[in-house]
Amino acid sequence: MPYSKTTKLGFIGLGSMGSPMARNIIKSGLQTNIYDIEPSRCAALSSDNVLICSSPIDVANRADIIFTCLPSLDAARSVVLDPANGILKGSQIKSIVSLGTTGSAYAKDVASQLHANNIAFLDSPISGGPAGAKDATLAIMCSGDKATYEFLCVHVFPHMSAKQYYVGDEPGMAQVMKLVNNINLFIHLAGTLESLTLGEKAGLDPAQMIDVINASSGLSRSSQVFIPNNVLSGAFNFGASNGILKKDLELWAEEVKMYESSDQVGKATQLAFGEAIREHGIEADLTTIYKTLRRIASLK
């Protein structure tokens, strides 16, 4: 797939993650075409190098490479495949870069339909949360079209990501990698928070317990960053809702079923988060699981 310094980019889907990513993509200096269902969310991004578009197909009529970052599988599918306004019908589009967590089945299906229309697909889920998007420290896992990946590694990814990993040429492989990462996060977060309830009932201070854990063999990114900053601080502001968590856990379960792998620890984690979702609601921050674990432990 030939690209050059005159290659035009597109970005569809803003919100809490998309807005800072869009700003970082714009830093590439390449012409960037942006669409969001709520125009006010991207109006501030307009400049000589940025065009605000009226629909997904409007972006696809102007951009060679389009990034999508959308909140659900239905939204992702509609933006790409809608028969009236979908990217698939665009006249300029050469490649789609999917930044969302969609599961491998979606990636394989959409990649196949795009391939039939001479459009390449780069499966590129991101990890690092809203803070990583804002600070351009995301990790990006990629599989699929290698030419698109190599071009972005030179011209775009350095402005939005600290690390990029090409994990294979089959679309969907990056989705499996992302869900492997996510289930690790969820296991570490839930397990560490649950362990704190035991220590607190024995009279230990949660903040000091975290200091000890981080100086010992039990440390993880959850204990080093998320629990001190987003949980014990009382903020409960990791930045991802229980709804996003639930989607990712369900996608992980689908991959486990597809590949017939072990799920004992992950399933227990899914059950624990399920209890927190029932108690605090789908819109609550995923860190509210700590409140549920403390209630179960009869801690005030």
Protein backbone atom coordinates (compact mmCIF):
# COMPACT_ATOMS: atom_id res chain seq x y z
CA MET A 1 0.00 0.00 0.00
CA PRO A 2 1.84 3.17 -1.16
CA TYR A 3 1.89 6.08 1.28
CA SER A 4 3.87 9.32 1.30
CA LYS A 5 4.18 12.66 3.10
CA THR A 6 1.05 13.76 1.22
CA THR A 7 -0.99 10.91 2.73
CA LYS A 8 -4.17 12.20 4.36
CA LEU A 9 -5.43 10.88 7.66
CA GLY A 10 -8.90 10.48 9.11
CA PHE A 11 -10.14 10.08 12.68
CA ILE A 12 -13.62 8.94 13.73
CA GLY A 13 -14.75 8.78 17.35
CA LEU A 14 -13.64 11.22 20.00
CA GLY A 15 -14.81 11.31 23.64
CA SER A 16 -12.51 10.97 26.65
CA MET A 17 -9.97 8.77 24.88
CA GLY A 18 -10.38 10.06 21.34
CA SER A 19 -9.92 13.78 21.88
CA PRO A 20 -6.32 13.61 23.16
CA MET A 21 -5.47 10.93 20.58
CA ALA A 22 -6.84 13.12 17.82
CA ARG A 23 -4.68 15.99 19.07
CA ASN A 24 -1.61 13.74 18.99
CA ILE A 25 -2.39 12.41 15.52
CA ILE A 26 -2.72 15.99 14.27
CA LYS A 27 0.85 16.58 15.49
CA SER A 28 2.04 14.34 12.66
CA GLY A 29 1.60 17.35 10.38
CA LEU A 30 -0.40 15.31 7.88
CA GLN A 31 -3.77 16.60 6.71
CA THR A 32 -6.33 15.15 9.15
CA ASN A 33 -10.08 14.77 8.60
CA ILE A 34 -12.22 14.32 11.72
CA TYR A 35 -15.79 13.24 12.39
CA ASP A 36 -17.76 12.88 15.61
CA ILE A 37 -21.50 12.39 16.06
CA GLU A 38 -21.39 15.38 18.42
CA PRO A 39 -19.66 18.12 16.37
CA SER A 40 -19.00 20.26 19.45
CA ARG A 41 -16.51 17.68 20.70
CA CYS A 42 -14.15 18.26 17.79
CA ALA A 43 -14.86 21.86 16.84
CA ALA A 44 -11.86 23.08 18.86
CA LEU A 45 -9.55 20.88 16.75
CA SER A 46 -10.29 22.73 13.51
CA SER A 47 -7.23 24.38 11.91
CA ASP A 48 -5.54 24.86 8.56
CA ASN A 49 -4.39 21.23 8.73
CA VAL A 50 -7.61 19.78 10.14
CA LEU A 51 -11.01 19.47 8.48
CA ILE A 52 -14.16 18.67 10.45
CA CYS A 53 -16.28 16.29 8.36
CA SER A 54 -20.02 15.64 8.25
CA SER A 55 -20.11 11.81 8.25
CA PRO A 56 -17.91 8.71 8.17
CA ILE A 57 -18.19 8.52 4.39
CA ASP A 58 -17.18 12.19 4.15
CA VAL A 59 -13.97 11.25 5.99
CA ALA A 60 -13.47 8.23 3.72
CA ASN A 61 -13.85 10.43 0.63
CA ARG A 62 -10.95 12.58 1.85
CA ALA A 63 -8.56 10.36 3.85
CA ASP A 64 -6.18 7.55 2.85
CA ILE A 65 -5.82 6.10 6.36
CA ILE A 66 -8.67 6.34 8.89
CA PHE A 67 -8.31 5.72 12.62
CA THR A 68 -11.45 4.61 14.45
CA CYS A 69 -11.94 4.62 18.22
CA LEU A 70 -15.53 3.76 19.08
CA PRO A 71 -17.36 2.78 22.27
CA SER A 72 -19.12 -0.41 21.16
CA LEU A 73 -19.08 -3.17 18.57
CA ASP A 74 -22.35 -1.89 17.09
CA ALA A 75 -20.87 1.58 16.63
CA ALA A 76 -17.66 0.17 15.17
CA ARG A 77 -19.53 -2.02 12.71
CA SER A 78 -21.90 0.76 11.67
CA VAL A 79 -19.13 3.31 11.04
CA VAL A 80 -17.29 0.89 8.78
CA LEU A 81 -20.07 -1.06 7.07
CA ASP A 82 -23.19 1.14 7.01
CA PRO A 83 -24.47 0.91 3.40
CA ALA A 84 -25.25 4.62 3.17
CA ASN A 85 -22.55 6.42 5.20
CA GLY A 86 -19.96 3.78 6.11
CA ILE A 87 -16.23 4.07 5.49
CA LEU A 88 -16.43 1.07 3.16
CA LYS A 89 -18.15 3.23 0.52
CA GLY A 90 -15.51 5.99 0.51
CA SER A 91 -13.61 6.92 -2.65
CA GLN A 92 -10.24 7.81 -1.09
CA ILE A 93 -9.84 5.31 1.75
CA LYS A 94 -6.97 2.82 1.48
CA SER A 95 -6.67 1.51 5.05
CA ILE A 96 -8.57 1.44 8.35
CA VAL A 97 -6.78 1.42 11.71
CA SER A 98 -9.04 0.17 14.50
CA LEU A 99 -7.88 1.43 17.92
CA GLY A 100 -10.73 -0.08 19.94
CA THR A 101 -11.07 -3.34 21.84
CA THR A 102 -13.44 -5.37 19.68
CA GLY A 103 -12.41 -9.02 19.99
CA SER A 104 -10.84 -11.08 17.24
CA ALA A 105 -14.09 -12.22 15.58
CA TYR A 106 -15.00 -8.63 14.68
CA ALA A 107 -11.48 -7.88 13.43
CA LYS A 108 -11.42 -10.94 11.18
CA ASP A 109 -14.90 -10.32 9.78
CA VAL A 110 -14.39 -6.62 9.04
CA ALA A 111 -10.90 -7.21 7.62
CA SER A 112 -12.35 -9.79 5.21
CA GLN A 113 -15.07 -7.41 3.99
CA LEU A 114 -12.60 -4.56 3.59
CA HIS A 115 -10.14 -6.80 1.71
CA ALA A 116 -12.89 -7.66 -0.77
CA ASN A 117 -13.12 -3.93 -1.48
CA ASN A 118 -9.34 -3.40 -1.76
CA ILE A 119 -9.12 -1.68 1.63
CA ALA A 120 -6.42 -2.77 4.08
CA PHE A 121 -7.04 -3.28 7.80
CA LEU A 122 -4.68 -2.73 10.73
CA ASP A 123 -6.01 -4.08 14.01
CA SER A 124 -4.46 -1.69 16.57
CA PRO A 125 -5.98 -1.78 20.08
CA ILE A 126 -4.42 0.63 22.56
CA SER A 127 -3.56 0.30 26.25
CA GLY A 128 -2.81 2.97 28.82
CA GLY A 129 -6.16 4.54 29.58
CA PRO A 130 -7.18 8.21 29.30
CA ALA A 131 -3.94 9.34 30.97
CA GLY A 132 -1.88 7.43 28.40
CA ALA A 133 -3.88 8.97 25.56
CA LYS A 134 -3.36 12.46 26.98
CA ASP A 135 0.36 11.98 27.61
CA ALA A 136 1.04 10.01 24.39
CA THR A 137 2.37 7.08 26.43
CA LEU A 138 -0.02 4.44 25.11
CA ALA A 139 1.11 0.99 24.06
CA ILE A 140 -0.27 0.00 20.67
CA MET A 141 -0.62 -3.65 19.64
CA CYS A 142 -0.95 -4.20 15.90
CA SER A 143 -1.74 -7.02 13.52
CA GLY A 144 -2.74 -7.00 9.88
CA ASP A 145 -1.47 -4.77 7.09
CA LYS A 146 2.30 -4.38 7.56
CA ALA A 147 2.72 -1.50 5.09
CA THR A 148 0.23 0.65 7.00
CA TYR A 149 1.95 -0.25 10.28
CA GLU A 150 5.40 0.69 8.98
CA PHE A 151 4.20 4.03 7.63
CA LEU A 152 2.47 4.91 10.90
CA CYS A 153 5.51 3.92 12.95
CA VAL A 154 7.47 6.63 11.13
CA HIS A 155 4.90 9.38 10.73
CA VAL A 156 2.10 9.03 13.32
CA PHE A 157 2.58 6.52 16.14
CA PRO A 158 5.52 8.40 17.74
CA HIS A 159 3.11 11.29 18.43
CA MET A 160 0.53 9.12 20.21
CA SER A 161 2.35 6.13 21.66
CA ALA A 162 5.44 5.23 23.67
CA LYS A 163 5.63 1.67 22.35
CA GLN A 164 4.28 -0.18 19.32
CA TYR A 165 4.21 -3.94 18.87
CA TYR A 166 3.50 -5.78 15.62
CA VAL A 167 2.26 -9.17 16.83
CA GLY A 168 1.31 -10.85 13.55
CA ASP A 169 -0.09 -10.48 10.05
CA GLU A 170 -3.54 -11.92 10.82
CA PRO A 171 -6.22 -9.41 11.89
CA GLY A 172 -7.48 -10.34 15.36
CA MET A 173 -4.11 -11.36 16.80
CA ALA A 174 -3.72 -7.88 18.30
CA GLN A 175 -7.19 -8.18 19.83
CA VAL A 176 -6.18 -11.37 21.61
CA MET A 177 -3.03 -9.64 22.86
CA LYS A 178 -5.09 -6.70 24.16
CA LEU A 179 -7.48 -9.02 26.02
CA VAL A 180 -4.55 -10.97 27.49
CA ASN A 181 -3.30 -7.61 28.78
CA ASN A 182 -6.71 -6.56 30.08
CA ILE A 183 -7.48 -9.74 31.99
CA ASN A 184 -4.06 -9.39 33.64
CA LEU A 185 -4.97 -5.86 34.70
CA PHE A 186 -8.35 -6.92 36.05
CA ILE A 187 -6.86 -9.88 37.96
CA HIS A 188 -4.11 -7.74 39.51
CA LEU A 189 -6.48 -4.93 40.44
CA ALA A 190 -9.21 -7.07 41.97
CA GLY A 191 -6.76 -9.44 43.68
CA THR A 192 -4.64 -6.69 45.23
CA LEU A 193 -7.67 -4.76 46.44
CA GLU A 194 -9.16 -7.90 47.97
CA SER A 195 -5.88 -8.66 49.74
CA LEU A 196 -5.97 -5.19 51.33
CA THR A 197 -9.27 -5.99 53.02
CA LEU A 198 -7.64 -8.87 54.91
CA GLY A 199 -4.79 -6.66 56.07
CA GLU A 200 -7.11 -3.86 57.10
CA LYS A 201 -9.25 -6.23 59.19
CA ALA A 202 -6.04 -7.29 60.95
CA GLY A 203 -5.28 -3.65 61.76
CA LEU A 204 -2.87 -2.76 58.96
CA ASP A 205 -2.92 0.57 57.14
CA PRO A 206 -3.88 0.22 53.40
CA ALA A 207 -1.41 2.88 52.23
CA GLN A 208 1.45 1.26 54.13
CA MET A 209 0.45 -2.16 52.82
CA ILE A 210 0.78 -0.81 49.28
CA ASP A 211 4.22 0.58 50.12
CA VAL A 212 5.31 -2.83 51.38
CA ILE A 213 3.80 -4.64 48.37
CA ASN A 214 5.60 -2.26 46.01
CA ALA A 215 8.89 -2.96 47.74
CA SER A 216 8.28 -6.71 47.63
CA SER A 217 7.31 -9.51 45.29
CA GLY A 218 3.61 -8.62 45.06
CA LEU A 219 4.02 -5.41 43.09
CA SER A 220 2.17 -4.72 39.84
CA ARG A 221 1.15 -1.64 37.89
CA SER A 222 -2.12 -1.77 39.82
CA SER A 223 -0.28 -1.54 43.15
CA GLN A 224 2.24 1.00 41.86
CA VAL A 225 -0.09 3.40 40.04
CA PHE A 226 -3.81 2.68 39.97
CA ILE A 227 -4.47 1.78 43.60
CA PRO A 228 -2.50 4.67 45.18
CA ASN A 229 -3.67 7.28 42.67
CA ASN A 230 -7.19 6.20 41.80
CA VAL A 231 -8.46 4.11 44.72
CA LEU A 232 -6.82 4.84 48.10
CA SER A 233 -6.91 8.53 47.22
CA GLY A 234 -10.70 8.23 47.34
CA ALA A 235 -11.00 9.52 43.78
CA PHE A 236 -12.19 6.26 42.14
CA ASN A 237 -11.25 7.76 38.80
CA PHE A 238 -9.32 5.25 36.71
CA GLY A 239 -11.24 6.68 33.78
CA ALA A 240 -12.97 3.55 32.46
CA SER A 241 -16.54 2.67 33.35
CA ASN A 242 -17.96 -0.63 34.50
CA GLY A 243 -19.62 -0.77 31.08
CA ILE A 244 -16.26 -0.81 29.30
CA LEU A 245 -14.96 -3.34 31.83
CA LYS A 246 -17.97 -5.61 31.26
CA LYS A 247 -17.50 -5.46 27.48
CA ASP A 248 -13.83 -6.37 27.75
CA LEU A 249 -14.48 -9.24 30.15
CA GLU A 250 -17.15 -10.63 27.84
CA LEU A 251 -14.79 -10.37 24.86
CA TRP A 252 -12.09 -12.15 26.88
CA ALA A 253 -14.57 -14.95 27.68
CA GLU A 254 -15.35 -15.32 23.97
CA GLU A 255 -11.64 -15.73 23.15
CA VAL A 256 -11.23 -18.30 25.94
CA LYS A 257 -14.14 -20.28 24.53
CA MET A 258 -12.81 -20.01 20.97
CA TYR A 259 -9.30 -21.16 21.88
CA GLU A 260 -10.36 -23.55 24.67
CA SER A 261 -7.91 -22.09 27.19
CA SER A 262 -8.04 -22.01 30.99
CA ASP A 263 -10.34 -19.46 32.63
CA GLN A 264 -10.42 -20.35 36.35
CA VAL A 265 -8.72 -17.23 37.71
CA GLY A 266 -10.23 -14.94 35.10
CA LYS A 267 -13.73 -16.28 35.73
CA ALA A 268 -13.39 -15.60 39.45
CA THR A 269 -12.29 -12.05 38.62
CA GLN A 270 -15.27 -11.66 36.28
CA LEU A 271 -17.63 -12.76 39.06
CA ALA A 272 -16.10 -10.26 41.50
CA PHE A 273 -16.47 -7.38 39.08
CA GLY A 274 -19.99 -8.56 38.28
CA GLU A 275 -20.92 -8.07 41.93
CA ALA A 276 -19.47 -4.54 41.83
CA ILE A 277 -21.41 -3.73 38.66
CA ARG A 278 -24.68 -4.85 40.27
CA GLU A 279 -23.93 -2.74 43.33
CA HIS A 280 -22.62 0.46 41.74
CA GLY A 281 -24.04 0.44 38.22
CA ILE A 282 -22.73 0.26 34.70
CA GLU A 283 -21.66 3.92 34.56
CA ALA A 284 -19.52 3.82 37.73
CA ASP A 285 -15.72 3.77 37.50
CA LEU A 286 -14.32 0.24 37.48
CA THR A 287 -12.31 0.97 40.66
CA THR A 288 -15.55 0.98 42.68
CA ILE A 289 -14.96 -2.75 43.05
CA TYR A 290 -12.95 -1.78 46.16
CA LYS A 291 -16.13 -0.51 47.81
CA THR A 292 -17.82 -3.84 47.10
CA LEU A 293 -14.86 -5.86 48.40
CA ARG A 294 -14.80 -3.77 51.60
CA ARG A 295 -18.53 -4.30 52.08
CA ILE A 296 -18.12 -8.05 51.67
CA ALA A 297 -15.34 -7.91 54.29
CA SER A 298 -17.66 -5.91 56.61
CA LEU A 299 -15.33 -2.91 56.57
CA LYS A 300 -16.85 0.54 57.04
